Protein backbone atom coordinates (compact mmCIF):
# COMPACT_ATOMS: atom_id res chain seq x y z
CA MET A 1 -39.86 157.10 32.34
CA THR A 2 -39.89 159.79 29.65
CA VAL A 3 -39.29 157.13 26.98
CA PHE A 4 -42.05 154.97 28.46
CA LEU A 5 -44.61 157.78 28.50
CA SER A 6 -43.81 159.04 25.00
CA THR A 7 -43.99 155.52 23.61
CA LEU A 8 -47.19 154.80 25.53
CA ASN A 9 -48.74 157.97 24.11
CA GLN A 10 -47.84 156.92 20.56
CA MET A 11 -49.19 153.41 21.12
CA ALA A 12 -52.44 154.87 22.46
CA PHE A 13 -52.73 156.94 19.28
CA LEU A 14 -52.15 153.91 17.06
CA MET A 15 -54.58 151.78 19.09
CA LEU A 16 -57.22 154.50 18.72
CA LEU A 17 -56.89 154.27 14.94
CA ILE A 18 -57.13 150.47 15.13
CA ALA A 19 -60.27 150.84 17.27
CA ILE A 20 -61.81 153.21 14.72
CA GLY A 21 -61.16 150.70 11.93
CA PHE A 22 -62.64 147.96 14.10
CA ILE A 23 -65.82 149.97 14.79
CA LEU A 24 -66.23 151.01 11.16
CA CYS A 25 -66.14 147.38 10.07
CA ARG A 26 -68.17 145.88 12.93
CA PHE A 27 -71.03 148.32 12.47
CA LYS A 28 -70.84 147.99 8.67
CA ILE A 29 -70.25 151.71 8.18
CA ILE A 30 -67.81 150.81 5.42
CA PRO A 31 -68.34 148.28 2.59
CA ASP A 32 -67.12 144.69 2.82
CA ASN A 33 -64.35 145.28 0.29
CA ALA A 34 -62.87 148.22 2.23
CA SER A 35 -59.95 146.16 3.54
CA MET A 36 -58.99 145.08 0.02
CA LEU A 37 -59.12 148.67 -1.23
CA LEU A 38 -57.11 150.05 1.69
CA SER A 39 -54.58 147.24 1.37
CA LYS A 40 -54.01 148.05 -2.30
CA LEU A 41 -53.65 151.76 -1.54
CA GLU A 42 -51.26 151.00 1.31
CA ASN A 43 -49.01 148.65 -0.64
CA ASN A 44 -49.11 150.41 -4.01
CA VAL A 45 -49.29 154.09 -3.05
CA PHE A 46 -48.74 155.08 0.59
CA ILE A 47 -45.82 152.82 1.56
CA PRO A 48 -43.94 153.42 -1.73
CA ALA A 49 -44.47 157.18 -1.29
CA LEU A 50 -43.14 157.04 2.27
CA VAL A 51 -40.11 155.00 1.21
CA LEU A 52 -39.45 157.23 -1.81
CA GLY A 53 -39.62 160.42 0.24
CA THR A 54 -37.45 159.01 3.02
CA PHE A 55 -34.66 157.90 0.70
CA MET A 56 -34.84 161.06 -1.43
CA GLN A 57 -34.25 163.22 1.63
CA ASN A 58 -31.83 161.08 3.62
CA PHE A 59 -29.86 158.71 1.39
CA THR A 60 -26.40 160.20 0.87
CA ILE A 61 -22.93 158.96 -0.02
CA LYS A 62 -22.11 158.84 3.69
CA LYS A 63 -25.26 156.86 4.51
CA MET A 64 -24.58 154.47 1.63
CA GLY A 65 -21.24 153.65 3.23
CA THR A 66 -22.96 152.32 6.37
CA ALA A 67 -25.98 150.70 4.69
CA TRP A 68 -24.23 147.33 4.44
CA GLN A 69 -23.91 147.24 8.24
CA TYR A 70 -27.68 147.51 8.64
CA ILE A 71 -28.36 144.88 5.98
CA LEU A 72 -25.83 142.50 7.57
CA CYS A 73 -27.20 143.06 11.06
CA GLY A 74 -30.77 142.55 9.84
CA LEU A 75 -29.68 139.35 8.10
CA VAL A 76 -28.10 138.01 11.29
CA VAL A 77 -31.22 138.82 13.30
CA VAL A 78 -33.63 137.10 10.91
CA VAL A 79 -31.37 134.06 10.45
CA ILE A 80 -31.31 133.60 14.23
CA SER A 81 -35.05 134.26 14.56
CA MET A 82 -36.23 131.63 12.07
CA PRO A 83 -34.80 128.44 13.66
CA LEU A 84 -35.68 129.81 17.09
CA ALA A 85 -39.27 130.30 15.92
CA ILE A 86 -39.41 126.76 14.54
CA GLY A 87 -38.30 125.34 17.89
CA LEU A 88 -40.72 127.45 19.91
CA SER A 89 -43.64 126.60 17.63
CA HIS A 90 -43.04 122.88 18.15
CA ILE A 91 -43.47 123.22 21.90
CA SER A 92 -46.50 125.50 21.50
CA SER A 93 -48.74 123.26 19.37
CA LYS A 94 -49.02 119.70 18.07
CA ASP A 95 -51.02 120.71 14.99
CA SER A 96 -48.74 121.05 11.94
CA TYR A 97 -50.72 123.91 10.37
CA ILE A 98 -50.85 125.92 13.60
CA ARG A 99 -47.12 125.31 14.03
CA LYS A 100 -46.52 126.96 10.67
CA ILE A 101 -48.64 129.95 11.70
CA TYR A 102 -46.71 130.25 14.96
CA THR A 103 -43.40 129.86 13.14
CA TYR A 104 -44.24 132.71 10.79
CA GLY A 105 -45.50 134.94 13.60
CA LEU A 106 -42.43 134.35 15.75
CA SER A 107 -40.03 134.74 12.81
CA PHE A 108 -41.55 137.96 11.46
CA SER A 109 -43.27 140.53 13.63
CA ASN A 110 -45.45 143.30 12.23
CA PHE A 111 -42.24 145.19 11.45
CA GLY A 112 -43.87 146.68 8.35
CA PHE A 113 -47.18 148.36 9.16
CA MET A 114 -46.71 148.73 12.92
CA GLY A 115 -42.92 148.95 12.83
CA ASN A 116 -42.92 151.73 10.25
CA ALA A 117 -45.54 153.67 12.20
CA VAL A 118 -43.71 153.36 15.53
CA VAL A 119 -40.21 154.08 14.22
CA LYS A 120 -41.35 156.99 12.05
CA ALA A 121 -43.08 158.60 15.03
CA LEU A 122 -40.59 157.87 17.82
CA PHE A 123 -37.25 157.55 16.03
CA PRO A 124 -37.52 159.54 12.77
CA ASP A 125 -33.74 160.05 12.59
CA ILE A 126 -33.16 156.33 11.97
CA PHE A 127 -36.26 155.59 9.89
CA MET A 128 -34.30 155.23 6.65
CA GLU A 129 -31.80 152.96 8.38
CA TYR A 130 -34.69 150.89 9.73
CA LEU A 131 -36.07 150.41 6.21
CA ILE A 132 -32.64 149.18 5.12
CA PHE A 133 -32.30 146.96 8.21
CA VAL A 134 -35.52 145.03 7.49
CA LEU A 135 -34.67 144.28 3.84
CA PRO A 136 -33.46 140.75 4.77
CA PHE A 137 -36.76 140.22 6.59
CA TRP A 138 -38.70 141.00 3.41
CA PHE A 139 -36.41 138.69 1.42
CA PHE A 140 -37.09 135.70 3.66
CA ILE A 141 -40.81 136.47 3.84
CA TYR A 142 -41.08 136.31 0.05
CA VAL A 143 -38.84 133.29 -0.52
CA TRP A 144 -39.66 131.20 2.58
CA GLY A 145 -42.28 132.64 4.94
CA VAL A 146 -45.25 133.07 2.63
CA PRO A 147 -44.69 130.19 0.15
CA SER A 148 -43.58 127.58 2.73
CA LEU A 149 -45.57 128.51 5.84
CA LEU A 150 -48.71 130.38 4.83
CA ILE A 151 -49.72 129.01 1.42
CA SER A 152 -51.30 125.56 1.36
CA SER A 153 -49.05 122.77 0.13
CA GLU A 154 -51.00 122.18 -3.06
CA ASN A 155 -50.47 125.81 -4.01
CA GLY A 156 -47.13 126.34 -2.39
CA ASN A 157 -44.72 124.63 -4.76
CA LYS A 158 -43.41 127.87 -6.18
CA SER A 159 -39.87 127.85 -7.44
CA PHE A 160 -37.21 129.98 -5.81
CA LYS A 161 -37.02 132.03 -9.00
CA ASN A 162 -40.74 132.78 -8.92
CA SER A 163 -40.52 133.71 -5.25
CA LEU A 164 -37.76 136.19 -6.03
CA LYS A 165 -40.05 137.90 -8.56
CA ASN A 166 -42.18 139.02 -5.62
CA LEU A 167 -39.30 141.27 -4.58
CA ILE A 168 -40.01 143.42 -7.63
CA ASN A 169 -42.83 145.41 -6.11
CA PRO A 170 -43.75 149.11 -5.68
CA MET A 171 -41.95 149.46 -2.35
CA PHE A 172 -38.61 148.19 -3.64
CA VAL A 173 -38.93 150.16 -6.88
CA ALA A 174 -39.61 153.31 -4.84
CA MET A 175 -36.59 152.57 -2.65
CA PHE A 176 -34.34 152.21 -5.70
CA ILE A 177 -35.59 155.46 -7.25
CA GLY A 178 -35.26 157.23 -3.90
CA MET A 179 -31.65 156.09 -3.60
CA ILE A 180 -30.82 157.50 -7.03
CA LEU A 181 -32.52 160.83 -6.30
CA GLY A 182 -30.93 161.01 -2.86
CA LEU A 183 -27.43 160.46 -4.21
CA SER A 184 -27.83 162.92 -7.08
CA ASP A 185 -27.35 166.63 -6.46
CA LYS A 186 -28.39 167.49 -10.01
CA ILE A 187 -31.78 165.78 -10.15
CA LYS A 188 -34.41 167.85 -8.36
CA ILE A 189 -38.07 166.92 -8.55
CA PRO A 190 -40.70 169.69 -8.85
CA GLU A 191 -42.05 171.11 -5.60
CA PHE A 192 -45.61 169.94 -6.30
CA LEU A 193 -44.36 166.37 -6.80
CA ASP A 194 -42.30 166.52 -3.62
CA SER A 195 -45.38 167.72 -1.71
CA ALA A 196 -47.47 164.90 -3.18
CA VAL A 197 -44.91 162.28 -2.14
CA THR A 198 -44.73 163.71 1.39
CA THR A 199 -48.50 163.91 1.81
CA LEU A 200 -49.12 160.41 0.48
CA GLY A 201 -46.35 159.03 2.68
CA ASP A 202 -47.96 160.64 5.73
CA CYS A 203 -51.07 158.55 5.04
CA MET A 204 -49.17 155.28 5.60
CA SER A 205 -49.45 155.03 9.39
CA PRO A 206 -53.12 155.98 9.89
CA VAL A 207 -54.32 153.85 6.97
CA ALA A 208 -52.22 150.89 8.15
CA MET A 209 -53.79 151.08 11.61
CA LEU A 210 -57.31 151.44 10.19
CA LEU A 211 -56.64 148.39 8.02
CA THR A 212 -55.44 146.46 11.07
CA GLY A 213 -58.66 147.27 12.92
CA ILE A 214 -60.80 146.30 9.93
CA THR A 215 -58.98 142.97 9.59
CA ILE A 216 -59.31 142.15 13.29
CA ALA A 217 -63.01 143.09 13.28
CA LYS A 218 -63.81 140.09 11.10
CA ILE A 219 -62.80 137.48 13.68
CA ASP A 220 -64.78 135.63 16.37
CA LEU A 221 -63.82 137.50 19.56
CA ILE A 222 -65.19 134.94 22.04
CA LYS A 223 -63.34 132.07 20.38
CA THR A 224 -60.20 134.17 20.21
CA PHE A 225 -60.08 135.08 23.90
CA LYS A 226 -60.57 131.41 24.91
CA ASN A 227 -57.48 130.22 23.02
CA ILE A 228 -54.81 130.03 25.74
CA SER A 229 -51.93 129.20 23.37
CA VAL A 230 -52.41 132.55 21.62
CA TYR A 231 -51.52 134.35 24.87
CA TRP A 232 -48.39 132.22 25.26
CA VAL A 233 -47.18 132.94 21.73
CA SER A 234 -47.97 136.65 22.14
CA VAL A 235 -45.89 136.81 25.33
CA ILE A 236 -42.98 135.16 23.50
CA ARG A 237 -43.32 137.59 20.58
CA LEU A 238 -43.73 140.76 22.65
CA PHE A 239 -41.66 140.19 25.77
CA ILE A 240 -39.32 137.19 25.70
CA ILE A 241 -37.79 137.69 22.23
CA PRO A 242 -37.21 141.48 22.36
CA LEU A 243 -36.02 141.45 25.99
CA ALA A 244 -33.64 138.58 25.23
CA ALA A 245 -32.33 140.70 22.36
CA VAL A 246 -31.89 143.69 24.69
CA GLY A 247 -29.94 141.48 27.08
CA ALA A 248 -27.70 140.23 24.27
CA LEU A 249 -27.14 143.76 22.97
CA THR A 250 -25.64 144.86 26.28
CA PHE A 251 -22.70 142.55 25.55
CA LEU A 252 -22.30 143.39 21.86
CA PRO A 253 -20.30 146.40 20.60
CA LEU A 254 -23.03 147.54 18.23
CA ASP A 255 -23.73 151.09 17.14
CA TYR A 256 -26.78 152.56 18.91
CA GLY A 257 -28.69 152.83 15.63
CA LEU A 258 -28.11 149.16 14.81
CA ALA A 259 -29.17 148.13 18.30
CA LEU A 260 -32.31 150.26 18.13
CA CYS A 261 -33.29 148.85 14.72
CA THR A 262 -32.82 145.34 16.11
CA VAL A 263 -35.16 145.96 19.03
CA CYS A 264 -37.72 147.78 16.88
CA SER A 265 -37.91 144.90 14.41
CA LEU A 266 -38.37 142.34 17.20
CA ALA A 267 -40.69 144.22 19.57
CA MET A 268 -43.66 144.63 17.24
CA PRO A 269 -46.82 142.48 17.57
CA LEU A 270 -47.69 139.50 15.40
CA GLY A 271 -48.36 140.49 11.81
CA LEU A 272 -51.44 140.32 9.60
CA ASN A 273 -50.02 138.15 6.81
CA THR A 274 -50.98 135.06 8.81
CA ILE A 275 -54.61 136.15 8.34
CA VAL A 276 -54.61 137.68 4.87
CA VAL A 277 -52.62 135.05 2.95
CA PRO A 278 -54.17 131.80 4.29
CA SER A 279 -57.69 133.22 3.99
CA ALA A 280 -57.11 133.70 0.26
CA TYR A 281 -56.57 129.92 0.04
CA GLY A 282 -59.59 128.99 2.16
CA LYS A 283 -57.56 128.08 5.25
CA ASP A 284 -58.75 128.48 8.84
CA THR A 285 -57.46 131.82 10.17
CA SER A 286 -59.02 131.79 13.64
CA VAL A 287 -55.73 131.13 15.44
CA ALA A 288 -53.85 133.68 13.35
CA ALA A 289 -56.54 136.29 13.91
CA GLY A 290 -56.42 135.60 17.63
CA MET A 291 -52.65 136.09 17.61
CA ALA A 292 -53.03 139.40 15.82
CA LEU A 293 -55.74 140.69 18.16
CA ILE A 294 -54.18 139.63 21.46
CA SER A 295 -50.66 140.70 20.52
CA HIS A 296 -51.77 144.12 19.28
CA LEU A 297 -53.66 144.73 22.52
CA MET A 298 -50.70 143.57 24.63
CA SER A 299 -48.28 145.68 22.58
CA CYS A 300 -49.79 148.84 24.09
CA ILE A 301 -47.81 148.00 27.23
CA SER A 302 -45.06 145.71 25.94
CA ILE A 303 -43.55 148.14 23.42
CA PRO A 304 -43.21 151.04 25.91
CA VAL A 305 -41.74 148.62 28.48
CA VAL A 306 -39.23 147.16 26.02
CA PHE A 307 -38.10 150.59 24.79
CA MET A 308 -37.79 151.87 28.36
CA ILE A 309 -35.59 148.92 29.35
CA PHE A 310 -33.58 149.22 26.14
CA ASN A 311 -32.97 152.92 26.74
CA SER A 312 -31.82 152.27 30.30
CA VAL A 313 -29.34 149.48 29.55
CA VAL A 314 -28.09 150.18 26.01
CA LYS A 315 -26.24 153.44 25.50
C-alpha cells in the first residue's frame, strides 16, 4: 500500500501540472505557439541537460559493465511489443490509418516525457539505467515508428540511412558527453556549469507535463469521450500489457533493476507523437488525441496499481 500511495501522490502531482497546461491553453492565457516553444526547449535543452547530469554523476566503469544487459533487455521488450501491437491493432480497428496509430501507441508508450518524470521521482537510483534501457525504443521509433506509422505514405519513403540520422540529436549527444565525463576522474566541469545542468534538468518533468496539457487542450473533448475504441486501446496499454509483463517477470530470473525498467517502460500512457507528427502532415489526429487524453487520465490509477502489484510479486 505504501508503494501505491507514493505513486498515486506523484501521479496526482503530474496530473496537476497537465491540468495547468490544459487551462492555460484553453483560456488562451498563453500564445498559440507556446507548445512549439516548450517542445523545442524540452527536446533541445531540458532533456539533454537531465541526461547529461545523470550520466556525469552516475556512469562509472562498474555501471558500464552492466549497461549491455539493460540495452539487450530493452531490445527484447520492444521486439516483442511491436508484433504484439500490430496484432492487437488489427482487432481494434478496420481503418488502416487508425490501425497505424494504434500500432504506434501500443508499441511505444510515453516512456520519454511521462516515463522520465515517473522514474526520476519514484526510482531515482535506477534512472540512468532506465535511460539506457529505452535506447532500443528510441532506435525503433526513429527507424520504423515515425517514418512507417505516423508519416503519410507520400512523405514517408525515407531511407534507412536517413532515418538513422535522426539518432544524432541533442539527447544522444548529451548522453555520449555524460558518459565520457562520468568515466573520467580527471575532467571536472566548473561548479557554475554543474549547477546550470542540474537546474535545467530539473525543468524537464514540469515542462513536459505542461506541454502534455497544452497538447491535449487542443482536441475536441466531446468527440473524444464518445470514441469507445480509445478506451479499449487505453486499457490494453495501461493494464493488460504491463500486468502481463509483471506476470512473465515472476518466472524470469531477471535482476530487480531490469524488471523494474521493463515495467516502467510498459506502464506509461499512450504518447504524444501520434498527435504531433501526423498533425504536421495535415492528418486527422482526433483518435490519437483521444488516446492521449483518456490514457493519461486512466494512468492516475493504473500506474500506482501496476507498481503495487509489481512490488508485491517481484522481489
